[in-house]
PDB file of N, CA and C in Angstrom:
ATOM      1  N   MET A   1       0.678 -25.752  19.479  1.00  0.00           N
ATOM      2  CA  MET A   1      -0.598 -25.490  18.837  1.00  0.00           C
ATOM      3  C   MET A   1       0.375 -26.491  17.476  1.00  0.00           C
ATOM      4  N   ASN A   2       0.361 -27.363  17.148  1.00  0.00           N
ATOM      5  CA  ASN A   2       0.650 -28.658  16.205  1.00  0.00           C
ATOM      6  C   ASN A   2       0.231 -28.453  15.087  1.00  0.00           C
ATOM      7  N   ASP A   3      -0.807 -28.499  15.272  1.00  0.00           N
ATOM      8  CA  ASP A   3      -2.129 -29.535  14.477  1.00  0.00           C
ATOM      9  C   ASP A   3      -2.946 -27.694  13.838  1.00  0.00           C
ATOM     10  N   TYR A   4      -2.867 -27.458  12.874  1.00  0.00           N
ATOM     11  CA  TYR A   4      -3.453 -25.860  12.460  1.00  0.00           C
ATOM     12  C   TYR A   4      -4.582 -26.249  11.499  1.00  0.00           C
ATOM     13  N   LYS A   5      -4.887 -27.635  10.539  1.00  0.00           N
ATOM     14  CA  LYS A   5      -6.191 -28.637  10.733  1.00  0.00           C
ATOM     15  C   LYS A   5      -6.924 -28.456  11.168  1.00  0.00           C
ATOM     16  N   LEU A   6      -8.396 -27.835  10.947  1.00  0.00           N
ATOM     17  CA  LEU A   6      -9.269 -27.165  11.533  1.00  0.00           C
ATOM     18  C   LEU A   6     -10.678 -28.748   9.556  1.00  0.00           C
ATOM     19  N   ALA A   7     -11.611 -28.905  10.695  1.00  0.00           N
ATOM     20  CA  ALA A   7     -12.845 -30.071  10.523  1.00  0.00           C
ATOM     21  C   ALA A   7     -13.492 -28.707   9.087  1.00  0.00           C
ATOM     22  N   LYS A   8     -14.073 -28.668   9.314  1.00  0.00           N
ATOM     23  CA  LYS A   8     -15.070 -27.537   8.055  1.00  0.00           C
ATOM     24  C   LYS A   8     -16.320 -27.243   9.524  1.00  0.00           C
ATOM     25  N   SER A   9     -16.838 -28.535   9.970  1.00  0.00           N
ATOM     26  CA  SER A   9     -17.514 -27.738  11.725  1.00  0.00           C
ATOM     27  C   SER A   9     -17.034 -27.029  12.690  1.00  0.00           C
ATOM     28  N   GLU A  10     -15.473 -27.542  13.209  1.00  0.00           N
ATOM     29  CA  GLU A  10     -14.449 -26.869  13.748  1.00  0.00           C
ATOM     30  C   GLU A  10     -14.122 -25.757  13.195  1.00  0.00           C
ATOM     31  N   ALA A  11     -14.076 -25.370  11.488  1.00  0.00           N
ATOM     32  CA  ALA A  11     -14.050 -24.193  11.276  1.00  0.00           C
ATOM     33  C   ALA A  11     -15.012 -23.058  12.013  1.00  0.00           C
ATOM     34  N   LYS A  12     -15.796 -23.741  11.630  1.00  0.00           N
ATOM     35  CA  LYS A  12     -17.672 -23.085  11.626  1.00  0.00           C
ATOM     36  C   LYS A  12     -17.081 -22.854  13.254  1.00  0.00           C
ATOM     37  N   PHE A  13     -17.228 -23.837  13.913  1.00  0.00           N
ATOM     38  CA  PHE A  13     -17.820 -23.773  15.231  1.00  0.00           C
ATOM     39  C   PHE A  13     -16.412 -22.315  16.122  1.00  0.00           C
ATOM     40  N   SER A  14     -15.329 -22.523  15.053  1.00  0.00           N
ATOM     41  CA  SER A  14     -14.215 -21.104  15.877  1.00  0.00           C
ATOM     42  C   SER A  14     -14.467 -20.176  15.383  1.00  0.00           C
ATOM     43  N   ASP A  15     -15.917 -20.047  14.549  1.00  0.00           N
ATOM     44  CA  ASP A  15     -15.494 -18.786  13.951  1.00  0.00           C
ATOM     45  C   ASP A  15     -16.636 -18.265  14.377  1.00  0.00           C
ATOM     46  N   LEU A  16     -16.976 -18.375  15.121  1.00  0.00           N
ATOM     47  CA  LEU A  16     -18.884 -17.947  16.226  1.00  0.00           C
ATOM     48  C   LEU A  16     -18.075 -17.872  17.410  1.00  0.00           C
ATOM     49  N   ILE A  17     -17.069 -18.349  18.018  1.00  0.00           N
ATOM     50  CA  ILE A  17     -16.222 -18.308  19.102  1.00  0.00           C
ATOM     51  C   ILE A  17     -15.175 -16.434  18.595  1.00  0.00           C
ATOM     52  N   TRP A  18     -14.535 -16.885  17.590  1.00  0.00           N
ATOM     53  CA  TRP A  18     -13.531 -15.281  17.424  1.00  0.00           C
ATOM     54  C   TRP A  18     -15.029 -14.281  16.684  1.00  0.00           C
ATOM     55  N   GLN A  19     -15.849 -14.405  16.341  1.00  0.00           N
ATOM     56  CA  GLN A  19     -17.276 -13.273  16.066  1.00  0.00           C
ATOM     57  C   GLN A  19     -17.133 -12.566  17.818  1.00  0.00           C
ATOM     58  N   TYR A  20     -17.215 -13.490  18.894  1.00  0.00           N
ATOM     59  CA  TYR A  20     -18.991 -12.919  20.153  1.00  0.00           C
ATOM     60  C   TYR A  20     -17.542 -13.327  21.160  1.00  0.00           C
ATOM     61  N   GLU A  21     -16.369 -13.439  21.815  1.00  0.00           N
ATOM     62  CA  GLU A  21     -15.364 -13.566  22.474  1.00  0.00           C
ATOM     63  C   GLU A  21     -15.119 -12.917  23.317  1.00  0.00           C
ATOM     64  N   PRO A  22     -15.588 -12.230  23.683  1.00  0.00           N
ATOM     65  CA  PRO A  22     -15.122 -13.651  24.770  1.00  0.00           C
ATOM     66  C   PRO A  22     -16.373 -14.253  25.591  1.00  0.00           C
ATOM     67  N   ILE A  23     -17.546 -14.691  25.503  1.00  0.00           N
ATOM     68  CA  ILE A  23     -18.226 -15.666  25.418  1.00  0.00           C
ATOM     69  C   ILE A  23     -18.862 -16.546  26.581  1.00  0.00           C
ATOM     70  N   SER A  24     -19.787 -16.667  27.328  1.00  0.00           N
ATOM     71  CA  SER A  24     -19.800 -17.554  28.294  1.00  0.00           C
ATOM     72  C   SER A  24     -19.857 -18.780  27.939  1.00  0.00           C
ATOM     73  N   SER A  25     -19.519 -19.956  28.293  1.00  0.00           N
ATOM     74  CA  SER A  25     -20.122 -21.229  27.247  1.00  0.00           C
ATOM     75  C   SER A  25     -21.410 -21.595  27.706  1.00  0.00           C
ATOM     76  N   GLY A  26     -22.118 -21.364  28.527  1.00  0.00           N
ATOM     77  CA  GLY A  26     -23.476 -21.532  28.615  1.00  0.00           C
ATOM     78  C   GLY A  26     -24.248 -20.603  27.649  1.00  0.00           C
ATOM     79  N   GLU A  27     -24.111 -19.942  26.996  1.00  0.00           N
ATOM     80  CA  GLU A  27     -24.079 -19.048  25.743  1.00  0.00           C
ATOM     81  C   GLU A  27     -23.604 -19.767  24.957  1.00  0.00           C
ATOM     82  N   LEU A  28     -22.315 -20.380  24.583  1.00  0.00           N
ATOM     83  CA  LEU A  28     -21.350 -20.725  23.793  1.00  0.00           C
ATOM     84  C   LEU A  28     -22.982 -21.645  23.245  1.00  0.00           C
ATOM     85  N   VAL A  29     -23.196 -22.608  23.982  1.00  0.00           N
ATOM     86  CA  VAL A  29     -24.328 -23.786  23.834  1.00  0.00           C
ATOM     87  C   VAL A  29     -25.673 -23.573  23.233  1.00  0.00           C
ATOM     88  N   LYS A  30     -25.815 -22.208  23.650  1.00  0.00           N
ATOM     89  CA  LYS A  30     -27.153 -21.802  22.619  1.00  0.00           C
ATOM     90  C   LYS A  30     -26.741 -21.353  21.627  1.00  0.00           C
ATOM     91  N   LEU A  31     -26.171 -21.176  20.841  1.00  0.00           N
ATOM     92  CA  LEU A  31     -25.161 -20.428  20.330  1.00  0.00           C
ATOM     93  C   LEU A  31     -25.343 -21.018  18.880  1.00  0.00           C
ATOM     94  N   CYS A  32     -24.642 -22.383  19.668  1.00  0.00           N
ATOM     95  CA  CYS A  32     -24.032 -23.374  18.973  1.00  0.00           C
ATOM     96  C   CYS A  32     -25.480 -24.136  18.738  1.00  0.00           C
ATOM     97  N   GLU A  33     -25.922 -24.243  18.904  1.00  0.00           N
ATOM     98  CA  GLU A  33     -27.588 -25.279  19.145  1.00  0.00           C
ATOM     99  C   GLU A  33     -28.114 -24.189  17.720  1.00  0.00           C
ATOM    100  N   LYS A  34     -28.286 -23.407  18.828  1.00  0.00           N
ATOM    101  CA  LYS A  34     -29.065 -22.374  16.856  1.00  0.00           C
ATOM    102  C   LYS A  34     -28.505 -22.498  15.859  1.00  0.00           C
ATOM    103  N   GLU A  35     -27.031 -22.229  15.528  1.00  0.00           N
ATOM    104  CA  GLU A  35     -26.438 -21.898  14.216  1.00  0.00           C
ATOM    105  C   GLU A  35     -25.801 -23.223  13.226  1.00  0.00           C
ATOM    106  N   MET A  36     -25.781 -24.535  15.049  1.00  0.00           N
ATOM    107  CA  MET A  36     -24.984 -25.191  14.150  1.00  0.00           C
ATOM    108  C   MET A  36     -26.407 -27.237  14.920  1.00  0.00           C
ATOM    109  N   GLY A  37     -26.982 -26.438  15.379  1.00  0.00           N
ATOM    110  CA  GLY A  37     -27.992 -27.625  15.366  1.00  0.00           C
ATOM    111  C   GLY A  37     -27.227 -28.424  16.609  1.00  0.00           C
ATOM    112  N   TRP A  38     -26.575 -28.138  17.244  1.00  0.00           N
ATOM    113  CA  TRP A  38     -25.243 -28.423  18.092  1.00  0.00           C
ATOM    114  C   TRP A  38     -26.302 -29.265  19.372  1.00  0.00           C
ATOM    115  N   LYS A  39     -25.538 -30.673  19.995  1.00  0.00           N
ATOM    116  CA  LYS A  39     -26.202 -29.743  21.910  1.00  0.00           C
ATOM    117  C   LYS A  39     -25.121 -29.943  22.010  1.00  0.00           C
ATOM    118  N   LYS A  40     -25.418 -29.977  23.300  1.00  0.00           N
ATOM    119  CA  LYS A  40     -24.255 -29.067  24.950  1.00  0.00           C
ATOM    120  C   LYS A  40     -23.301 -30.217  24.830  1.00  0.00           C
ATOM    121  N   SER A  41     -22.990 -31.493  24.624  1.00  0.00           N
ATOM    122  CA  SER A  41     -22.444 -32.114  24.799  1.00  0.00           C
ATOM    123  C   SER A  41     -21.722 -32.302  23.830  1.00  0.00           C
ATOM    124  N   THR A  42     -21.779 -31.314  22.326  1.00  0.00           N
ATOM    125  CA  THR A  42     -21.118 -32.192  21.413  1.00  0.00           C
ATOM    126  C   THR A  42     -20.595 -30.581  21.341  1.00  0.00           C
ATOM    127  N   THR A  43     -21.298 -29.114  21.622  1.00  0.00           N
ATOM    128  CA  THR A  43     -20.564 -28.615  21.484  1.00  0.00           C
ATOM    129  C   THR A  43     -18.829 -28.246  23.058  1.00  0.00           C
ATOM    130  N   TYR A  44     -19.223 -29.099  24.666  1.00  0.00           N
ATOM    131  CA  TYR A  44     -18.552 -29.246  25.729  1.00  0.00           C
ATOM    132  C   TYR A  44     -16.602 -29.636  24.829  1.00  0.00           C
ATOM    133  N   THR A  45     -17.619 -31.063  23.442  1.00  0.00           N
ATOM    134  CA  THR A  45     -16.547 -32.163  23.542  1.00  0.00           C
ATOM    135  C   THR A  45     -15.635 -31.682  22.236  1.00  0.00           C
ATOM    136  N   VAL A  46     -16.827 -30.700  21.300  1.00  0.00           N
ATOM    137  CA  VAL A  46     -15.481 -29.985  20.218  1.00  0.00           C
ATOM    138  C   VAL A  46     -14.808 -28.661  20.437  1.00  0.00           C
ATOM    139  N   LEU A  47     -14.830 -27.781  21.885  1.00  0.00           N
ATOM    140  CA  LEU A  47     -14.284 -26.991  22.546  1.00  0.00           C
ATOM    141  C   LEU A  47     -13.384 -27.712  23.140  1.00  0.00           C
ATOM    142  N   LYS A  48     -13.209 -28.422  24.064  1.00  0.00           N
ATOM    143  CA  LYS A  48     -12.700 -29.395  24.695  1.00  0.00           C
ATOM    144  C   LYS A  48     -10.786 -29.063  23.856  1.00  0.00           C
ATOM    145  N   LYS A  49     -11.279 -29.659  22.588  1.00  0.00           N
ATOM    146  CA  LYS A  49     -10.531 -30.320  21.083  1.00  0.00           C
ATOM    147  C   LYS A  49      -9.436 -29.266  20.763  1.00  0.00           C
ATOM    148  N   LEU A  50     -10.205 -28.276  21.625  1.00  0.00           N
ATOM    149  CA  LEU A  50     -10.003 -26.888  20.856  1.00  0.00           C
ATOM    150  C   LEU A  50      -8.729 -26.270  21.815  1.00  0.00           C
ATOM    151  N   CYS A  51      -8.769 -26.302  21.958  1.00  0.00           N
ATOM    152  CA  CYS A  51      -7.690 -26.374  23.635  1.00  0.00           C
ATOM    153  C   CYS A  51      -7.203 -26.253  24.352  1.00  0.00           C
ATOM    154  N   LYS A  52      -7.424 -28.534  23.460  1.00  0.00           N
ATOM    155  CA  LYS A  52      -6.107 -28.600  24.204  1.00  0.00           C
ATOM    156  C   LYS A  52      -5.092 -28.274  22.423  1.00  0.00           C
ATOM    157  N   LYS A  53      -5.824 -28.377  21.958  1.00  0.00           N
ATOM    158  CA  LYS A  53      -5.191 -27.416  20.408  1.00  0.00           C
ATOM    159  C   LYS A  53      -3.739 -26.279  20.901  1.00  0.00           C
ATOM    160  N   GLY A  54      -4.450 -25.635  22.033  1.00  0.00           N
ATOM    161  CA  GLY A  54      -4.549 -24.278  22.525  1.00  0.00           C
ATOM    162  C   GLY A  54      -4.961 -23.597  21.320  1.00  0.00           C
ATOM    163  N   ILE A  55      -6.266 -23.693  21.033  1.00  0.00           N
ATOM    164  CA  ILE A  55      -6.524 -22.337  19.988  1.00  0.00           C
ATOM    165  C   ILE A  55      -7.666 -21.726  20.647  1.00  0.00           C
ATOM    166  N   PHE A  56      -7.998 -22.361  21.955  1.00  0.00           N
ATOM    167  CA  PHE A  56      -9.071 -21.105  23.069  1.00  0.00           C
ATOM    168  C   PHE A  56      -8.790 -21.649  24.086  1.00  0.00           C
ATOM    169  N   GLN A  57      -9.101 -20.923  25.297  1.00  0.00           N
ATOM    170  CA  GLN A  57      -9.568 -20.890  26.645  1.00  0.00           C
ATOM    171  C   GLN A  57     -10.822 -21.507  27.261  1.00  0.00           C
ATOM    172  N   ASN A  58     -11.401 -21.839  28.080  1.00  0.00           N
ATOM    173  CA  ASN A  58     -13.078 -21.746  28.076  1.00  0.00           C
ATOM    174  C   ASN A  58     -11.956 -21.349  30.369  1.00  0.00           C
ATOM    175  N   GLU A  59     -11.731 -21.104  30.545  1.00  0.00           N
ATOM    176  CA  GLU A  59     -11.551 -20.445  32.274  1.00  0.00           C
ATOM    177  C   GLU A  59     -12.651 -19.074  33.168  1.00  0.00           C
ATOM    178  N   ASN A  60     -13.171 -19.730  34.016  1.00  0.00           N
ATOM    179  CA  ASN A  60     -14.694 -19.593  35.054  1.00  0.00           C
ATOM    180  C   ASN A  60     -15.335 -19.948  33.838  1.00  0.00           C
ATOM    181  N   ALA A  61     -15.836 -20.648  33.062  1.00  0.00           N
ATOM    182  CA  ALA A  61     -16.543 -20.306  32.139  1.00  0.00           C
ATOM    183  C   ALA A  61     -16.552 -19.662  31.047  1.00  0.00           C
ATOM    184  N   VAL A  62     -15.597 -18.959  30.957  1.00  0.00           N
ATOM    185  CA  VAL A  62     -15.993 -18.311  29.823  1.00  0.00           C
ATOM    186  C   VAL A  62     -14.315 -18.175  28.525  1.00  0.00           C
ATOM    187  N   VAL A  63     -15.271 -18.046  28.026  1.00  0.00           N
ATOM    188  CA  VAL A  63     -14.184 -18.989  26.040  1.00  0.00           C
ATOM    189  C   VAL A  63     -13.981 -17.548  26.092  1.00  0.00           C
ATOM    190  N   SER A  64     -12.497 -18.160  25.202  1.00  0.00           N
ATOM    191  CA  SER A  64     -11.892 -16.681  24.902  1.00  0.00           C
ATOM    192  C   SER A  64     -10.636 -17.439  23.917  1.00  0.00           C
ATOM    193  N   SER A  65     -10.193 -16.782  22.886  1.00  0.00           N
ATOM    194  CA  SER A  65      -9.272 -17.277  22.088  1.00  0.00           C
ATOM    195  C   SER A  65      -8.020 -17.752  22.285  1.00  0.00           C
ATOM    196  N   ARG A  66      -6.671 -17.579  22.149  1.00  0.00           N
ATOM    197  CA  ARG A  66      -5.452 -18.441  21.995  1.00  0.00           C
ATOM    198  C   ARG A  66      -4.647 -17.917  20.806  1.00  0.00           C
ATOM    199  N   VAL A  67      -4.897 -17.847  20.296  1.00  0.00           N
ATOM    200  CA  VAL A  67      -4.829 -17.813  18.748  1.00  0.00           C
ATOM    201  C   VAL A  67      -6.072 -16.738  17.809  1.00  0.00           C
ATOM    202  N   LYS A  68      -5.937 -15.770  17.754  1.00  0.00           N
ATOM    203  CA  LYS A  68      -6.799 -15.194  16.925  1.00  0.00           C
ATOM    204  C   LYS A  68      -7.032 -15.641  15.121  1.00  0.00           C
ATOM    205  N   LYS A  69      -7.917 -15.508  14.644  1.00  0.00           N
ATOM    206  CA  LYS A  69      -7.995 -16.193  13.658  1.00  0.00           C
ATOM    207  C   LYS A  69      -6.960 -16.366  12.271  1.00  0.00           C
ATOM    208  N   ASP A  70      -6.916 -14.571  11.779  1.00  0.00           N
ATOM    209  CA  ASP A  70      -5.972 -14.593  11.113  1.00  0.00           C
ATOM    210  C   ASP A  70      -3.813 -15.186  11.210  1.00  0.00           C
ATOM    211  N   GLU A  71      -4.498 -15.238  12.644  1.00  0.00           N
ATOM    212  CA  GLU A  71      -2.771 -16.299  13.325  1.00  0.00           C
ATOM    213  C   GLU A  71      -3.061 -17.537  12.252  1.00  0.00           C
ATOM    214  N   LEU A  72      -4.127 -17.820  12.824  1.00  0.00           N
ATOM    215  CA  LEU A  72      -3.975 -18.954  12.625  1.00  0.00           C
ATOM    216  C   LEU A  72      -4.156 -19.606  11.237  1.00  0.00           C
ATOM    217  N   CYS A  73      -4.918 -18.327  10.227  1.00  0.00           N
ATOM    218  CA  CYS A  73      -4.602 -18.982   8.809  1.00  0.00           C
ATOM    219  C   CYS A  73      -3.188 -19.445   8.508  1.00  0.00           C
ATOM    220  N   ALA A  74      -3.020 -18.053   8.629  1.00  0.00           N
ATOM    221  CA  ALA A  74      -1.314 -18.088   7.616  1.00  0.00           C
ATOM    222  C   ALA A  74      -0.921 -19.267   8.448  1.00  0.00           C
ATOM    223  N   LYS A  75      -0.966 -19.329   9.571  1.00  0.00           N
ATOM    224  CA  LYS A  75       0.253 -20.895   9.786  1.00  0.00           C
ATOM    225  C   LYS A  75      -0.673 -22.341   9.172  1.00  0.00           C
ATOM    226  N   GLN A  76      -1.556 -22.244   8.378  1.00  0.00           N
ATOM    227  CA  GLN A  76      -2.255 -22.950   8.425  1.00  0.00           C
ATOM    228  C   GLN A  76      -2.357 -23.085   6.449  1.00  0.00           C
ATOM    229  N   SER A  77      -1.739 -22.032   6.170  1.00  0.00           N
ATOM    230  CA  SER A  77      -0.788 -21.401   4.737  1.00  0.00           C
ATOM    231  C   SER A  77      -0.026 -21.614   4.883  1.00  0.00           C
ATOM    232  N   ARG A  78       1.588 -21.383   5.228  1.00  0.00           N
ATOM    233  CA  ARG A  78       2.053 -21.361   5.565  1.00  0.00           C
ATOM    234  C   ARG A  78       2.485 -23.611   5.805  1.00  0.00           C
ATOM    235  N   ARG A  79       1.918 -24.656   6.116  1.00  0.00           N
ATOM    236  CA  ARG A  79       1.473 -26.078   6.602  1.00  0.00           C
ATOM    237  C   ARG A  79       1.502 -26.065   4.860  1.00  0.00           C
ATOM    238  N   PHE A  80       0.004 -25.510   4.944  1.00  0.00           N
ATOM    239  CA  PHE A  80      -0.226 -26.187   3.400  1.00  0.00           C
ATOM    240  C   PHE A  80       0.853 -25.979   2.452  1.00  0.00           C
ATOM    241  N   VAL A  81       1.653 -24.495   2.025  1.00  0.00           N
ATOM    242  CA  VAL A  81       2.974 -24.640   1.432  1.00  0.00           C
ATOM    243  C   VAL A  81       3.966 -25.705   1.496  1.00  0.00           C
ATOM    244  N   GLU A  82       4.074 -25.455   2.611  1.00  0.00           N
ATOM    245  CA  GLU A  82       5.325 -26.777   2.930  1.00  0.00           C
ATOM    246  C   GLU A  82       4.974 -27.828   2.717  1.00  0.00           C
ATOM    247  N   ASP A  83       3.204 -28.603   2.881  1.00  0.00           N
ATOM    248  CA  ASP A  83       3.062 -30.285   2.791  1.00  0.00           C
ATOM    249  C   ASP A  83       3.246 -29.686   1.132  1.00  0.00           C
ATOM    250  N   THR A  84       2.702 -29.232   0.381  1.00  0.00           N
ATOM    251  CA  THR A  84       2.380 -29.259  -0.701  1.00  0.00           C
ATOM    252  C   THR A  84       2.990 -29.343  -1.451  1.00  0.00           C
ATOM    253  N   PHE A  85       3.624 -28.047  -1.521  1.00  0.00           N
ATOM    254  CA  PHE A  85       5.425 -27.552  -2.579  1.00  0.00           C
ATOM    255  C   PHE A  85       6.465 -27.073  -2.296  1.00  0.00           C
ATOM    256  N   GLY A  86       7.324 -28.549  -0.775  1.00  0.00           N
ATOM    257  CA  GLY A  86       7.190 -28.126  -0.455  1.00  0.00           C
ATOM    258  C   GLY A  86       8.354 -26.900  -0.359  1.00  0.00           C
ATOM    259  N   GLY A  87       7.633 -25.843   0.532  1.00  0.00           N
ATOM    260  CA  GLY A  87       7.875 -24.686   1.258  1.00  0.00           C
ATOM    261  C   GLY A  87       8.339 -23.340  -0.416  1.00  0.00           C
ATOM    262  N   SER A  88       7.889 -23.966  -1.414  1.00  0.00           N
ATOM    263  CA  SER A  88       8.237 -22.775  -2.414  1.00  0.00           C
ATOM    264  C   SER A  88       7.195 -21.952  -2.729  1.00  0.00           C
ATOM    265  N   LEU A  89       7.188 -21.074  -2.111  1.00  0.00           N
ATOM    266  CA  LEU A  89       5.894 -19.711  -2.706  1.00  0.00           C
ATOM    267  C   LEU A  89       5.937 -20.074  -4.440  1.00  0.00           C
ATOM    268  N   PRO A  90       6.905 -19.753  -4.981  1.00  0.00           N
ATOM    269  CA  PRO A  90       7.205 -19.049  -6.227  1.00  0.00           C
ATOM    270  C   PRO A  90       5.905 -20.072  -7.019  1.00  0.00           C
ATOM    271  N   LYS A  91       6.339 -22.148  -6.224  1.00  0.00           N
ATOM    272  CA  LYS A  91       5.260 -23.506  -7.030  1.00  0.00           C
ATOM    273  C   LYS A  91       4.170 -22.849  -6.635  1.00  0.00           C
ATOM    274  N   PHE A  92       3.811 -22.641  -5.143  1.00  0.00           N
ATOM    275  CA  PHE A  92       2.755 -22.611  -5.177  1.00  0.00           C
ATOM    276  C   PHE A  92       1.839 -21.596  -5.828  1.00  0.00           C
ATOM    277  N   LEU A  93       3.057 -20.116  -6.225  1.00  0.00           N
ATOM    278  CA  LEU A  93       2.074 -19.413  -7.025  1.00  0.00           C
ATOM    279  C   LEU A  93       1.092 -19.542  -8.611  1.00  0.00           C
ATOM    280  N   THR A  94       2.063 -20.407  -8.901  1.00  0.00           N
ATOM    281  CA  THR A  94       2.742 -21.267 -10.558  1.00  0.00           C
ATOM    282  C   THR A  94       1.591 -22.301 -10.237  1.00  0.00           C
ATOM    283  N   ALA A  95       0.854 -22.465  -9.587  1.00  0.00           N
ATOM    284  CA  ALA A  95       0.023 -23.909  -9.526  1.00  0.00           C
ATOM    285  C   ALA A  95      -1.636 -22.943  -8.720  1.00  0.00           C
ATOM    286  N   PHE A  96      -0.911 -22.098  -8.197  1.00  0.00           N
ATOM    287  CA  PHE A  96      -2.920 -20.454  -8.017  1.00  0.00           C
ATOM    288  C   PHE A  96      -3.291 -20.052  -9.578  1.00  0.00           C
ATOM    289  N   ILE A  97      -1.904 -19.962  -9.866  1.00  0.00           N
ATOM    290  CA  ILE A  97      -2.707 -18.467 -10.892  1.00  0.00           C
ATOM    291  C   ILE A  97      -2.971 -19.776 -11.965  1.00  0.00           C
ATOM    292  N   GLY A  98      -2.523 -20.838 -12.191  1.00  0.00           N
ATOM    293  CA  GLY A  98      -2.530 -21.940 -13.304  1.00  0.00           C
ATOM    294  C   GLY A  98      -2.252 -20.699 -14.621  1.00  0.00           C
ATOM    295  N   GLU A  99      -3.532 -21.115 -15.419  1.00  0.00           N
ATOM    296  CA  GLU A  99      -3.268 -20.045 -16.499  1.00  0.00           C
ATOM    297  C   GLU A  99      -4.277 -18.968 -16.762  1.00  0.00           C
ATOM    298  N   LYS A 100      -4.457 -18.588 -15.485  1.00  0.00           N
ATOM    299  CA  LYS A 100      -5.401 -17.361 -15.314  1.00  0.00           C
ATOM    300  C   LYS A 100      -4.308 -16.136 -16.150  1.00  0.00           C
ATOM    301  N   ARG A 101      -4.499 -15.976 -16.053  1.00  0.00           N
ATOM    302  CA  ARG A 101      -3.372 -14.473 -15.981  1.00  0.00           C
ATOM    303  C   ARG A 101      -3.926 -12.942 -15.256  1.00  0.00           C
ATOM    304  N   LEU A 102      -2.833 -11.988 -14.513  1.00  0.00           N
ATOM    305  CA  LEU A 102      -2.821 -11.268 -14.013  1.00  0.00           C
ATOM    306  C   LEU A 102      -3.379 -10.488 -14.628  1.00  0.00           C
ATOM    307  N   SER A 103      -3.601  -9.143 -14.131  1.00  0.00           N
ATOM    308  CA  SER A 103      -4.221  -7.569 -13.617  1.00  0.00           C
ATOM    309  C   SER A 103      -3.486  -6.869 -13.955  1.00  0.00           C
ATOM    310  N   ASP A 104      -2.579  -5.712 -14.820  1.00  0.00           N
ATOM    311  CA  ASP A 104      -1.362  -5.195 -14.405  1.00  0.00           C
ATOM    312  C   ASP A 104      -1.247  -4.869 -12.874  1.00  0.00           C
ATOM    313  N   HIS A 105      -3.346  -4.191 -12.256  1.00  0.00           N
ATOM    314  CA  HIS A 105      -3.113  -4.216 -10.463  1.00  0.00           C
ATOM    315  C   HIS A 105      -2.657  -5.300  -9.807  1.00  0.00           C
ATOM    316  N   GLN A 106      -3.103  -6.510 -10.126  1.00  0.00           N
ATOM    317  CA  GLN A 106      -2.779  -7.728  -9.004  1.00  0.00           C
ATOM    318  C   GLN A 106      -1.354  -8.051  -9.731  1.00  0.00           C
ATOM    319  N   ALA A 107      -0.091  -7.575 -10.986  1.00  0.00           N
ATOM    320  CA  ALA A 107       1.031  -7.483 -11.041  1.00  0.00           C
ATOM    321  C   ALA A 107       1.357  -7.038  -9.486  1.00  0.00           C
ATOM    322  N   GLU A 108       1.281  -5.449  -9.768  1.00  0.00           N
ATOM    323  CA  GLU A 108       1.888  -4.379  -8.953  1.00  0.00           C
ATOM    324  C   GLU A 108       2.344  -4.520  -7.662  1.00  0.00           C
ATOM    325  N   GLU A 109       0.769  -5.462  -7.005  1.00  0.00           N
ATOM    326  CA  GLU A 109       0.279  -5.703  -5.590  1.00  0.00           C
ATOM    327  C   GLU A 109       1.596  -6.736  -5.303  1.00  0.00           C
ATOM    328  N   LEU A 110       1.820  -7.349  -6.253  1.00  0.00           N
ATOM    329  CA  LEU A 110       3.078  -8.409  -6.207  1.00  0.00           C
ATOM    330  C   LEU A 110       3.818  -7.890  -5.660  1.00  0.00           C
ATOM    331  N   LYS A 111       4.735  -7.678  -7.125  1.00  0.00           N
ATOM    332  CA  LYS A 111       5.593  -6.495  -7.237  1.00  0.00           C
ATOM    333  C   LYS A 111       6.156  -5.360  -5.919  1.00  0.00           C
ATOM    334  N   LYS A 112       5.032  -5.540  -4.369  1.00  0.00           N
ATOM    335  CA  LYS A 112       5.499  -4.902  -4.451  1.00  0.00           C
ATOM    336  C   LYS A 112       5.133  -5.448  -2.314  1.00  0.00           C
ATOM    337  N   LEU A 113       4.491  -6.258  -2.313  1.00  0.00           N
ATOM    338  CA  LEU A 113       4.086  -7.593  -1.128  1.00  0.00           C
ATOM    339  C   LEU A 113       5.595  -8.045  -1.367  1.00  0.00           C
ATOM    340  N   ILE A 114       5.797  -7.928  -2.943  1.00  0.00           N
ATOM    341  CA  ILE A 114       7.695  -8.662  -2.654  1.00  0.00           C
ATOM    342  C   ILE A 114       8.716  -8.105  -2.483  1.00  0.00           C
ATOM    343  N   ASP A 115       8.709  -7.246  -2.335  1.00  0.00           N
ATOM    344  CA  ASP A 115       9.981  -5.747  -2.621  1.00  0.00           C
ATOM    345  C   ASP A 115      10.431  -5.903  -1.120  1.00  0.00           C
ATOM    346  N   GLU A 116       8.607  -5.665  -0.456  1.00  0.00           N
ATOM    347  CA  GLU A 116       8.484  -4.787   1.437  1.00  0.00           C
ATOM    348  C   GLU A 116       9.205  -6.502   1.594  1.00  0.00           C
ATOM    349  N   PHE A 117       9.353  -8.108   1.366  1.00  0.00           N
ATOM    350  CA  PHE A 117       9.078  -9.000   2.726  1.00  0.00           C
ATOM    351  C   PHE A 117      10.698  -9.283   2.136  1.00  0.00           C
ATOM    352  N   LYS A 118      10.798  -9.066   1.301  1.00  0.00           N
ATOM    353  CA  LYS A 118      12.288  -9.225   0.448  1.00  0.00           C
ATOM    354  C   LYS A 118      14.107  -9.390   1.207  1.00  0.00           C
ATOM    355  N   GLU A 119      14.858 -10.514   1.935  1.00  0.00           N
ATOM    356  CA  GLU A 119      15.200 -10.106   2.113  1.00  0.00           C
ATOM    357  C   GLU A 119      16.538  -9.371   1.731  1.00  0.00           C
ATOM    358  N   GLY A 120      17.564  -8.857   3.392  1.00  0.00           N
ATOM    359  CA  GLY A 120      18.564  -7.444   2.120  1.00  0.00           C
ATOM    360  C   GLY A 120      18.122  -5.717   1.209  1.00  0.00           C
TER     361      GLY A 120
END
């Protein structure tokens, strides 16, 4: 699973699978028709693509995840920081916070996270 980027429609489709898994492929087709207006062929095409990426599996007509949503989100986030900020978390946080001010509570939460994950 090297490509962690999902198109908007792939993300919505993935959310449906995560919400209802394990789900039969027939039920997934019905769900995608109702929720996304997709035809059967579109559902199977996108499912096949995401199975090739290693995110989902379709075995014996039952679709389930190989990668959980939070795991995929974490990988996408790390990839974004790596690609956009050269892997620098301080640069990312500076850009993310921008001109805003942190509340005392937010600052304390960040300090706790830093202490929890600090090396040594």
